[in-house]
Amino acid sequence: MTRRKNPCGVDADNPEWTEAMFAAAKPAGEVVPDLVAHAEKRRRGPKKKPLKSDAPVENVADHIHTVRGAMVILDRDLGRIFGYPPGKLIEQIKLKAHRFPPDFAFQLTEAEYDVLMPRAPMEGEGRRVARPLPYALTEHGVVMLAGLFQNKRAVQKSIGIVRVFVGLRGIAAD
């Protein structure tokens, strides 16, 4: 048995909705509240809250250091400001390495990190926890990184950070 196509495109078993049907429709929560409540419970784990910007742009100057003769900000501080985990920033820097020459971003050496972040002596000083060394970004690296993320908050924050860099450079010149 061959079926002929319906020239009007209307399926008799599944009629199209009319304006009156849409007006009379109710939300699923009113019609089957138990099913909706069950579906809400069955989600895959708790929703992750987006990272909030912990450091307002006014406090950025506290996070700018001078390393290798350049003013830089560390990836973890930048991540806090942009609202991204530092791992995401490092991932972008590594994936787009051609956009980050050494005068835009570089990884700190162990000695540079120890100077920037001195630690209190601990028991068992010989055993050290392996951790990746942070990346340092100059003002040009901050702008390039903000362009990669392409969200309004990252762009606005990067503009504020660059202004702080410029202000600090002016103070250092005086």
N, C-alpha and C. Protein backbone atom coordinates (compact mmCIF):
# COMPACT_ATOMS: atom_id res chain seq x y z
N MET A 1 0.84 -1.18 0.00
CA MET A 1 0.00 0.00 0.00
C MET A 1 0.88 1.24 0.00
N THR A 2 0.73 2.09 -0.94
CA THR A 2 1.50 3.32 -1.02
C THR A 2 0.64 4.46 -0.52
N ARG A 3 1.30 5.34 0.17
CA ARG A 3 0.58 6.51 0.69
C ARG A 3 0.80 7.69 -0.22
N ARG A 4 -0.22 8.41 -0.40
CA ARG A 4 -0.08 9.62 -1.18
C ARG A 4 0.22 10.77 -0.25
N LYS A 5 1.05 11.68 -0.69
CA LYS A 5 1.36 12.84 0.13
C LYS A 5 0.15 13.74 0.23
N ASN A 6 -0.01 14.31 1.39
CA ASN A 6 -1.09 15.25 1.60
C ASN A 6 -0.68 16.58 0.97
N PRO A 7 -1.40 17.07 0.01
CA PRO A 7 -0.99 18.31 -0.67
C PRO A 7 -0.99 19.52 0.25
N CYS A 8 -1.79 19.51 1.30
CA CYS A 8 -1.85 20.66 2.22
C CYS A 8 -0.76 20.59 3.27
N GLY A 9 -0.11 19.43 3.44
CA GLY A 9 0.93 19.28 4.45
C GLY A 9 0.39 19.10 5.85
N VAL A 10 -0.93 18.82 5.98
CA VAL A 10 -1.54 18.65 7.28
C VAL A 10 -1.72 17.17 7.55
N ASP A 11 -1.31 16.74 8.73
CA ASP A 11 -1.45 15.34 9.14
C ASP A 11 -2.74 15.22 9.94
N ALA A 12 -3.62 14.35 9.50
CA ALA A 12 -4.91 14.21 10.18
C ALA A 12 -4.75 13.69 11.60
N ASP A 13 -3.73 12.84 11.83
CA ASP A 13 -3.52 12.30 13.17
C ASP A 13 -2.89 13.32 14.11
N ASN A 14 -2.16 14.27 13.57
CA ASN A 14 -1.49 15.30 14.37
C ASN A 14 -1.79 16.68 13.78
N PRO A 15 -2.95 17.21 14.09
CA PRO A 15 -3.31 18.51 13.50
C PRO A 15 -2.42 19.63 14.03
N GLU A 16 -2.27 20.66 13.21
CA GLU A 16 -1.50 21.83 13.62
C GLU A 16 -2.27 22.57 14.72
N TRP A 17 -1.53 23.27 15.59
CA TRP A 17 -2.17 24.01 16.66
C TRP A 17 -2.74 25.31 16.12
N THR A 18 -3.90 25.64 16.62
CA THR A 18 -4.53 26.91 16.24
C THR A 18 -4.25 27.93 17.34
N GLU A 19 -4.58 29.16 17.06
CA GLU A 19 -4.42 30.23 18.06
C GLU A 19 -5.25 29.93 19.30
N ALA A 20 -6.43 29.39 19.11
CA ALA A 20 -7.30 29.08 20.25
C ALA A 20 -6.67 27.99 21.12
N MET A 21 -6.03 27.00 20.48
CA MET A 21 -5.38 25.93 21.25
C MET A 21 -4.21 26.49 22.07
N PHE A 22 -3.42 27.38 21.45
CA PHE A 22 -2.32 27.99 22.18
C PHE A 22 -2.83 28.81 23.36
N ALA A 23 -3.92 29.54 23.16
CA ALA A 23 -4.48 30.37 24.23
C ALA A 23 -4.99 29.51 25.39
N ALA A 24 -5.52 28.33 25.08
CA ALA A 24 -6.08 27.46 26.12
C ALA A 24 -5.01 26.59 26.79
N ALA A 25 -3.83 26.53 26.23
CA ALA A 25 -2.77 25.66 26.76
C ALA A 25 -2.33 26.13 28.16
N LYS A 26 -1.97 25.17 29.00
CA LYS A 26 -1.51 25.46 30.35
C LYS A 26 -0.06 25.00 30.48
N PRO A 27 0.70 25.61 31.40
CA PRO A 27 2.07 25.15 31.63
C PRO A 27 2.08 23.71 32.15
N ALA A 28 3.13 22.99 31.84
CA ALA A 28 3.24 21.59 32.26
C ALA A 28 3.15 21.45 33.77
N GLY A 29 3.66 22.42 34.51
CA GLY A 29 3.64 22.38 35.96
C GLY A 29 2.23 22.37 36.53
N GLU A 30 1.27 22.96 35.80
CA GLU A 30 -0.12 22.96 36.26
C GLU A 30 -0.84 21.66 35.89
N VAL A 31 -0.48 21.09 34.76
CA VAL A 31 -1.18 19.90 34.28
C VAL A 31 -0.67 18.64 34.97
N VAL A 32 0.66 18.46 35.03
CA VAL A 32 1.25 17.27 35.64
C VAL A 32 2.35 17.71 36.61
N PRO A 33 1.98 18.26 37.76
CA PRO A 33 3.00 18.80 38.67
C PRO A 33 3.94 17.73 39.22
N ASP A 34 3.43 16.50 39.45
CA ASP A 34 4.29 15.44 39.97
C ASP A 34 5.39 15.08 38.98
N LEU A 35 5.04 15.01 37.71
CA LEU A 35 6.02 14.66 36.69
C LEU A 35 7.09 15.75 36.56
N VAL A 36 6.67 16.99 36.61
CA VAL A 36 7.61 18.11 36.52
C VAL A 36 8.53 18.12 37.74
N ALA A 37 7.98 17.89 38.93
CA ALA A 37 8.80 17.87 40.14
C ALA A 37 9.80 16.72 40.08
N HIS A 38 9.37 15.58 39.58
CA HIS A 38 10.28 14.43 39.45
C HIS A 38 11.40 14.74 38.46
N ALA A 39 11.06 15.38 37.36
CA ALA A 39 12.06 15.74 36.35
C ALA A 39 13.07 16.73 36.93
N GLU A 40 12.62 17.65 37.75
CA GLU A 40 13.52 18.62 38.37
C GLU A 40 14.50 17.95 39.31
N LYS A 41 14.04 16.91 40.04
CA LYS A 41 14.92 16.19 40.96
C LYS A 41 15.96 15.37 40.23
N ARG A 42 15.64 14.90 39.05
CA ARG A 42 16.49 13.95 38.33
C ARG A 42 17.60 14.62 37.52
N ARG A 43 17.81 15.86 37.68
CA ARG A 43 18.90 16.51 36.96
C ARG A 43 20.23 15.92 37.36
N ARG A 44 21.23 16.07 36.53
CA ARG A 44 22.54 15.48 36.77
C ARG A 44 23.37 16.32 37.72
N GLY A 45 23.13 16.15 38.96
CA GLY A 45 23.94 16.84 39.96
C GLY A 45 23.55 18.30 40.12
N PRO A 46 24.18 18.94 41.10
CA PRO A 46 23.85 20.35 41.34
C PRO A 46 24.39 21.21 40.22
N LYS A 47 23.68 22.29 39.99
CA LYS A 47 24.15 23.24 38.98
C LYS A 47 25.39 23.94 39.52
N LYS A 48 26.36 24.07 38.66
CA LYS A 48 27.56 24.78 39.08
C LYS A 48 27.31 26.27 38.97
N LYS A 49 27.67 26.97 40.01
CA LYS A 49 27.51 28.41 39.97
C LYS A 49 28.68 29.00 39.20
N PRO A 50 28.42 29.99 38.37
CA PRO A 50 29.54 30.60 37.66
C PRO A 50 30.45 31.33 38.64
N LEU A 51 31.72 31.38 38.30
CA LEU A 51 32.66 32.08 39.15
C LEU A 51 32.33 33.56 39.16
N LYS A 52 32.41 34.15 40.30
CA LYS A 52 32.18 35.59 40.41
C LYS A 52 33.52 36.28 40.42
N SER A 53 33.51 37.51 40.04
CA SER A 53 34.74 38.29 40.05
C SER A 53 35.03 38.69 41.49
N ASP A 54 36.07 38.11 42.07
CA ASP A 54 36.42 38.41 43.45
C ASP A 54 37.13 39.74 43.58
N ALA A 55 37.93 40.08 42.59
CA ALA A 55 38.76 41.28 42.68
C ALA A 55 38.21 42.36 41.77
N PRO A 56 37.64 43.43 42.35
CA PRO A 56 37.22 44.52 41.48
C PRO A 56 38.43 45.17 40.84
N VAL A 57 38.20 45.86 39.74
CA VAL A 57 39.29 46.44 38.98
C VAL A 57 40.10 47.41 39.84
N GLU A 58 39.46 48.03 40.82
CA GLU A 58 40.19 48.98 41.67
C GLU A 58 41.32 48.28 42.44
N ASN A 59 41.15 47.00 42.75
CA ASN A 59 42.15 46.27 43.52
C ASN A 59 43.16 45.54 42.65
N VAL A 60 43.09 45.73 41.35
CA VAL A 60 43.99 45.01 40.43
C VAL A 60 45.43 45.40 40.68
N ALA A 61 45.69 46.64 41.05
CA ALA A 61 47.06 47.10 41.26
C ALA A 61 47.77 46.24 42.31
N ASP A 62 47.02 45.69 43.25
CA ASP A 62 47.63 44.83 44.27
C ASP A 62 48.14 43.51 43.68
N HIS A 63 47.63 43.14 42.51
CA HIS A 63 47.99 41.86 41.89
C HIS A 63 49.01 42.01 40.76
N ILE A 64 49.45 43.21 40.50
CA ILE A 64 50.43 43.43 39.43
C ILE A 64 51.82 43.41 40.03
N HIS A 65 52.69 42.60 39.43
CA HIS A 65 54.06 42.42 39.90
C HIS A 65 55.03 42.80 38.77
N THR A 66 56.25 43.04 39.13
CA THR A 66 57.29 43.27 38.12
C THR A 66 58.16 42.02 38.06
N VAL A 67 58.17 41.39 36.90
CA VAL A 67 58.96 40.18 36.66
C VAL A 67 59.67 40.35 35.33
N ARG A 68 60.96 40.07 35.31
CA ARG A 68 61.78 40.18 34.09
C ARG A 68 61.68 41.58 33.47
N GLY A 69 61.54 42.56 34.31
CA GLY A 69 61.50 43.94 33.86
C GLY A 69 60.16 44.38 33.28
N ALA A 70 59.14 43.54 33.37
CA ALA A 70 57.82 43.88 32.84
C ALA A 70 56.78 43.78 33.94
N MET A 71 55.77 44.64 33.86
CA MET A 71 54.66 44.55 34.80
C MET A 71 53.72 43.45 34.31
N VAL A 72 53.40 42.51 35.20
CA VAL A 72 52.59 41.36 34.83
C VAL A 72 51.53 41.09 35.89
N ILE A 73 50.53 40.30 35.48
CA ILE A 73 49.52 39.80 36.41
C ILE A 73 49.50 38.29 36.23
N LEU A 74 49.36 37.56 37.33
CA LEU A 74 49.39 36.10 37.28
C LEU A 74 48.05 35.54 36.79
N ASP A 75 48.12 34.36 36.19
CA ASP A 75 46.92 33.74 35.61
C ASP A 75 45.82 33.53 36.65
N ARG A 76 46.17 33.15 37.88
CA ARG A 76 45.13 32.90 38.87
C ARG A 76 44.41 34.19 39.27
N ASP A 77 45.15 35.31 39.35
CA ASP A 77 44.51 36.58 39.66
C ASP A 77 43.62 37.04 38.50
N LEU A 78 44.11 36.85 37.30
CA LEU A 78 43.34 37.22 36.12
C LEU A 78 42.08 36.37 36.00
N GLY A 79 42.22 35.08 36.32
CA GLY A 79 41.05 34.20 36.29
C GLY A 79 39.99 34.63 37.28
N ARG A 80 40.43 35.06 38.46
CA ARG A 80 39.49 35.54 39.48
C ARG A 80 38.77 36.79 38.98
N ILE A 81 39.48 37.65 38.30
CA ILE A 81 38.88 38.89 37.81
C ILE A 81 37.93 38.62 36.64
N PHE A 82 38.36 37.78 35.70
CA PHE A 82 37.53 37.47 34.54
C PHE A 82 36.39 36.52 34.88
N GLY A 83 36.51 35.76 35.97
CA GLY A 83 35.48 34.81 36.33
C GLY A 83 35.68 33.44 35.71
N TYR A 84 36.92 33.10 35.40
CA TYR A 84 37.26 31.79 34.83
C TYR A 84 38.28 31.10 35.72
N PRO A 85 38.27 29.78 35.76
CA PRO A 85 39.31 29.09 36.52
C PRO A 85 40.66 29.26 35.82
N PRO A 86 41.75 29.34 36.57
CA PRO A 86 43.07 29.54 35.94
C PRO A 86 43.40 28.48 34.90
N GLY A 87 42.94 27.26 35.11
CA GLY A 87 43.20 26.20 34.14
C GLY A 87 42.64 26.53 32.76
N LYS A 88 41.49 27.19 32.73
CA LYS A 88 40.87 27.58 31.46
C LYS A 88 41.72 28.64 30.77
N LEU A 89 42.28 29.56 31.55
CA LEU A 89 43.15 30.59 30.96
C LEU A 89 44.41 29.95 30.39
N ILE A 90 45.02 29.07 31.16
CA ILE A 90 46.25 28.41 30.70
C ILE A 90 45.97 27.58 29.45
N GLU A 91 44.82 26.92 29.44
CA GLU A 91 44.44 26.13 28.27
C GLU A 91 44.37 27.00 27.02
N GLN A 92 43.77 28.18 27.14
CA GLN A 92 43.67 29.09 26.00
C GLN A 92 45.04 29.60 25.57
N ILE A 93 45.90 29.88 26.54
CA ILE A 93 47.24 30.37 26.21
C ILE A 93 48.01 29.29 25.46
N LYS A 94 47.88 28.04 25.88
CA LYS A 94 48.60 26.95 25.22
C LYS A 94 48.01 26.65 23.84
N LEU A 95 46.68 26.66 23.73
CA LEU A 95 46.05 26.38 22.45
C LEU A 95 46.35 27.44 21.40
N LYS A 96 46.43 28.67 21.85
CA LYS A 96 46.65 29.79 20.93
C LYS A 96 48.04 30.40 21.17
N ALA A 97 49.04 29.55 21.31
CA ALA A 97 50.39 30.00 21.65
C ALA A 97 50.93 31.01 20.65
N HIS A 98 50.50 30.92 19.40
CA HIS A 98 50.99 31.87 18.39
C HIS A 98 50.52 33.30 18.67
N ARG A 99 49.49 33.46 19.47
CA ARG A 99 48.99 34.80 19.83
C ARG A 99 49.67 35.37 21.07
N PHE A 100 50.48 34.54 21.75
CA PHE A 100 51.10 34.96 22.99
C PHE A 100 52.62 34.84 22.91
N PRO A 101 53.28 35.80 22.25
CA PRO A 101 54.75 35.75 22.24
C PRO A 101 55.28 35.99 23.65
N PRO A 102 56.57 35.76 23.88
CA PRO A 102 57.12 35.89 25.24
C PRO A 102 56.93 37.27 25.87
N ASP A 103 56.75 38.31 25.07
CA ASP A 103 56.52 39.62 25.69
C ASP A 103 55.04 39.84 26.03
N PHE A 104 54.16 38.89 25.71
CA PHE A 104 52.75 38.95 26.09
C PHE A 104 52.46 38.05 27.29
N ALA A 105 53.05 36.85 27.29
CA ALA A 105 52.80 35.88 28.36
C ALA A 105 53.97 34.92 28.45
N PHE A 106 54.31 34.53 29.67
CA PHE A 106 55.37 33.56 29.89
C PHE A 106 55.11 32.83 31.19
N GLN A 107 55.68 31.63 31.29
CA GLN A 107 55.53 30.85 32.51
C GLN A 107 56.67 31.20 33.46
N LEU A 108 56.32 31.42 34.72
CA LEU A 108 57.33 31.76 35.71
C LEU A 108 58.26 30.58 35.98
N THR A 109 59.49 30.89 36.34
CA THR A 109 60.41 29.84 36.79
C THR A 109 60.14 29.60 38.27
N GLU A 110 60.68 28.52 38.79
CA GLU A 110 60.52 28.21 40.22
C GLU A 110 61.08 29.34 41.08
N ALA A 111 62.23 29.88 40.70
CA ALA A 111 62.86 30.96 41.48
C ALA A 111 62.00 32.22 41.47
N GLU A 112 61.44 32.57 40.30
CA GLU A 112 60.58 33.75 40.22
C GLU A 112 59.32 33.57 41.05
N TYR A 113 58.77 32.37 41.01
CA TYR A 113 57.57 32.11 41.78
C TYR A 113 57.85 32.20 43.27
N ASP A 114 58.99 31.67 43.71
CA ASP A 114 59.34 31.72 45.13
C ASP A 114 59.54 33.16 45.61
N VAL A 115 60.06 34.02 44.74
CA VAL A 115 60.23 35.43 45.10
C VAL A 115 58.87 36.12 45.22
N LEU A 116 57.96 35.82 44.28
CA LEU A 116 56.64 36.46 44.29
C LEU A 116 55.75 35.93 45.41
N MET A 117 55.81 34.64 45.64
CA MET A 117 54.94 34.00 46.61
C MET A 117 55.76 33.26 47.66
N PRO A 118 56.38 33.98 48.58
CA PRO A 118 57.18 33.29 49.59
C PRO A 118 56.28 32.43 50.47
N ARG A 119 56.79 31.27 50.84
CA ARG A 119 56.01 30.35 51.67
C ARG A 119 56.69 30.19 53.02
N ALA A 120 55.88 29.94 54.02
CA ALA A 120 56.43 29.69 55.35
C ALA A 120 57.10 28.33 55.34
N PRO A 121 58.21 28.18 56.09
CA PRO A 121 58.86 26.87 56.14
C PRO A 121 57.91 25.84 56.76
N MET A 122 57.94 24.63 56.20
CA MET A 122 57.05 23.58 56.68
C MET A 122 57.89 22.39 57.10
N GLU A 123 57.25 21.50 57.87
CA GLU A 123 57.93 20.27 58.21
C GLU A 123 58.11 19.44 56.95
N GLY A 124 59.19 18.70 56.89
CA GLY A 124 59.42 17.88 55.70
C GLY A 124 59.73 18.75 54.50
N GLU A 125 60.55 19.77 54.69
CA GLU A 125 60.85 20.74 53.63
C GLU A 125 61.37 20.06 52.37
N GLY A 126 61.98 18.89 52.51
CA GLY A 126 62.53 18.21 51.34
C GLY A 126 61.44 17.74 50.38
N ARG A 127 60.24 17.46 50.90
CA ARG A 127 59.16 16.99 50.04
C ARG A 127 58.35 18.19 49.58
N ARG A 128 58.24 18.35 48.29
CA ARG A 128 57.50 19.48 47.74
C ARG A 128 56.38 18.96 46.85
N VAL A 129 55.24 19.58 46.94
CA VAL A 129 54.10 19.17 46.14
C VAL A 129 54.32 19.68 44.71
N ALA A 130 54.19 18.78 43.76
CA ALA A 130 54.34 19.18 42.36
C ALA A 130 53.12 20.00 41.96
N ARG A 131 53.35 21.15 41.40
CA ARG A 131 52.27 22.01 40.94
C ARG A 131 52.75 22.74 39.70
N PRO A 132 51.84 23.04 38.80
CA PRO A 132 52.26 23.78 37.62
C PRO A 132 52.61 25.22 38.00
N LEU A 133 53.64 25.73 37.42
CA LEU A 133 54.01 27.12 37.69
C LEU A 133 53.04 28.04 36.96
N PRO A 134 52.69 29.16 37.57
CA PRO A 134 51.71 30.05 36.94
C PRO A 134 52.29 30.77 35.72
N TYR A 135 51.38 31.26 34.92
CA TYR A 135 51.75 32.10 33.78
C TYR A 135 51.60 33.56 34.20
N ALA A 136 52.45 34.38 33.66
CA ALA A 136 52.38 35.82 33.90
C ALA A 136 52.02 36.49 32.58
N LEU A 137 51.08 37.42 32.62
CA LEU A 137 50.64 38.10 31.41
C LEU A 137 50.90 39.59 31.53
N THR A 138 51.44 40.17 30.47
CA THR A 138 51.62 41.62 30.43
C THR A 138 50.29 42.24 30.02
N GLU A 139 50.25 43.58 29.93
CA GLU A 139 48.99 44.21 29.55
C GLU A 139 48.55 43.78 28.16
N HIS A 140 49.51 43.53 27.26
CA HIS A 140 49.16 43.08 25.92
C HIS A 140 48.57 41.66 25.96
N GLY A 141 49.11 40.83 26.83
CA GLY A 141 48.58 39.47 27.00
C GLY A 141 47.17 39.48 27.57
N VAL A 142 46.89 40.42 28.46
CA VAL A 142 45.55 40.54 29.04
C VAL A 142 44.54 40.88 27.96
N VAL A 143 44.89 41.82 27.10
CA VAL A 143 43.99 42.22 26.02
C VAL A 143 43.77 41.05 25.05
N MET A 144 44.84 40.36 24.70
CA MET A 144 44.73 39.23 23.78
C MET A 144 43.85 38.13 24.39
N LEU A 145 44.03 37.86 25.66
CA LEU A 145 43.25 36.82 26.32
C LEU A 145 41.78 37.19 26.40
N ALA A 146 41.49 38.44 26.70
CA ALA A 146 40.10 38.89 26.77
C ALA A 146 39.43 38.75 25.40
N GLY A 147 40.18 38.99 24.34
CA GLY A 147 39.64 38.82 23.00
C GLY A 147 39.31 37.38 22.68
N LEU A 148 40.03 36.44 23.27
CA LEU A 148 39.75 35.02 23.04
C LEU A 148 38.45 34.59 23.69
N PHE A 149 38.15 35.13 24.87
CA PHE A 149 36.95 34.71 25.59
C PHE A 149 35.69 35.33 25.01
N GLN A 150 35.79 36.49 24.43
CA GLN A 150 34.69 37.16 23.75
C GLN A 150 33.40 37.21 24.57
N ASN A 151 33.52 37.64 25.80
CA ASN A 151 32.31 37.95 26.54
C ASN A 151 32.46 39.37 27.08
N LYS A 152 31.35 40.02 27.29
CA LYS A 152 31.38 41.44 27.67
C LYS A 152 32.15 41.68 28.95
N ARG A 153 31.95 40.79 29.92
CA ARG A 153 32.60 41.00 31.22
C ARG A 153 34.11 40.94 31.10
N ALA A 154 34.63 39.96 30.35
CA ALA A 154 36.08 39.84 30.18
C ALA A 154 36.64 41.06 29.47
N VAL A 155 35.93 41.55 28.46
CA VAL A 155 36.41 42.72 27.72
C VAL A 155 36.39 43.95 28.62
N GLN A 156 35.31 44.15 29.37
CA GLN A 156 35.23 45.31 30.27
C GLN A 156 36.30 45.25 31.35
N LYS A 157 36.49 44.07 31.92
CA LYS A 157 37.51 43.94 32.95
C LYS A 157 38.90 44.16 32.38
N SER A 158 39.16 43.68 31.16
CA SER A 158 40.49 43.86 30.56
C SER A 158 40.77 45.33 30.30
N ILE A 159 39.76 46.09 29.93
CA ILE A 159 39.94 47.53 29.73
C ILE A 159 40.35 48.18 31.05
N GLY A 160 39.68 47.80 32.14
CA GLY A 160 40.04 48.33 33.45
C GLY A 160 41.44 47.93 33.86
N ILE A 161 41.82 46.68 33.57
CA ILE A 161 43.16 46.21 33.94
C ILE A 161 44.22 46.97 33.16
N VAL A 162 43.99 47.16 31.86
CA VAL A 162 44.96 47.90 31.05
C VAL A 162 45.10 49.33 31.57
N ARG A 163 44.01 49.94 31.98
CA ARG A 163 44.09 51.30 32.54
C ARG A 163 44.94 51.32 33.81
N VAL A 164 44.82 50.27 34.62
CA VAL A 164 45.65 50.18 35.83
C VAL A 164 47.12 50.03 35.44
N PHE A 165 47.40 49.17 34.45
CA PHE A 165 48.77 49.00 33.96
C PHE A 165 49.34 50.35 33.50
N VAL A 166 48.56 51.08 32.71
CA VAL A 166 49.02 52.38 32.20
C VAL A 166 49.25 53.36 33.34
N GLY A 167 48.35 53.36 34.33
CA GLY A 167 48.52 54.24 35.48
C GLY A 167 49.77 53.91 36.27
N LEU A 168 50.01 52.61 36.47
CA LEU A 168 51.21 52.20 37.20
C LEU A 168 52.48 52.53 36.43
N ARG A 169 52.41 52.41 35.10
CA ARG A 169 53.57 52.75 34.28
C ARG A 169 53.86 54.24 34.39
N GLY A 170 52.82 55.06 34.44
CA GLY A 170 53.01 56.50 34.62
C GLY A 170 53.61 56.84 35.97
N ILE A 171 53.17 56.15 37.02
CA ILE A 171 53.73 56.37 38.35
C ILE A 171 55.20 55.95 38.39
N ALA A 172 55.50 54.81 37.76
CA ALA A 172 56.88 54.32 37.74
C ALA A 172 57.80 55.26 36.96
N ALA A 173 57.26 55.95 35.95
CA ALA A 173 58.06 56.85 35.14
C ALA A 173 58.41 58.13 35.92
N ASP A 174 57.55 58.51 36.86
CA ASP A 174 57.77 59.76 37.64
C ASP A 174 58.86 59.65 38.64
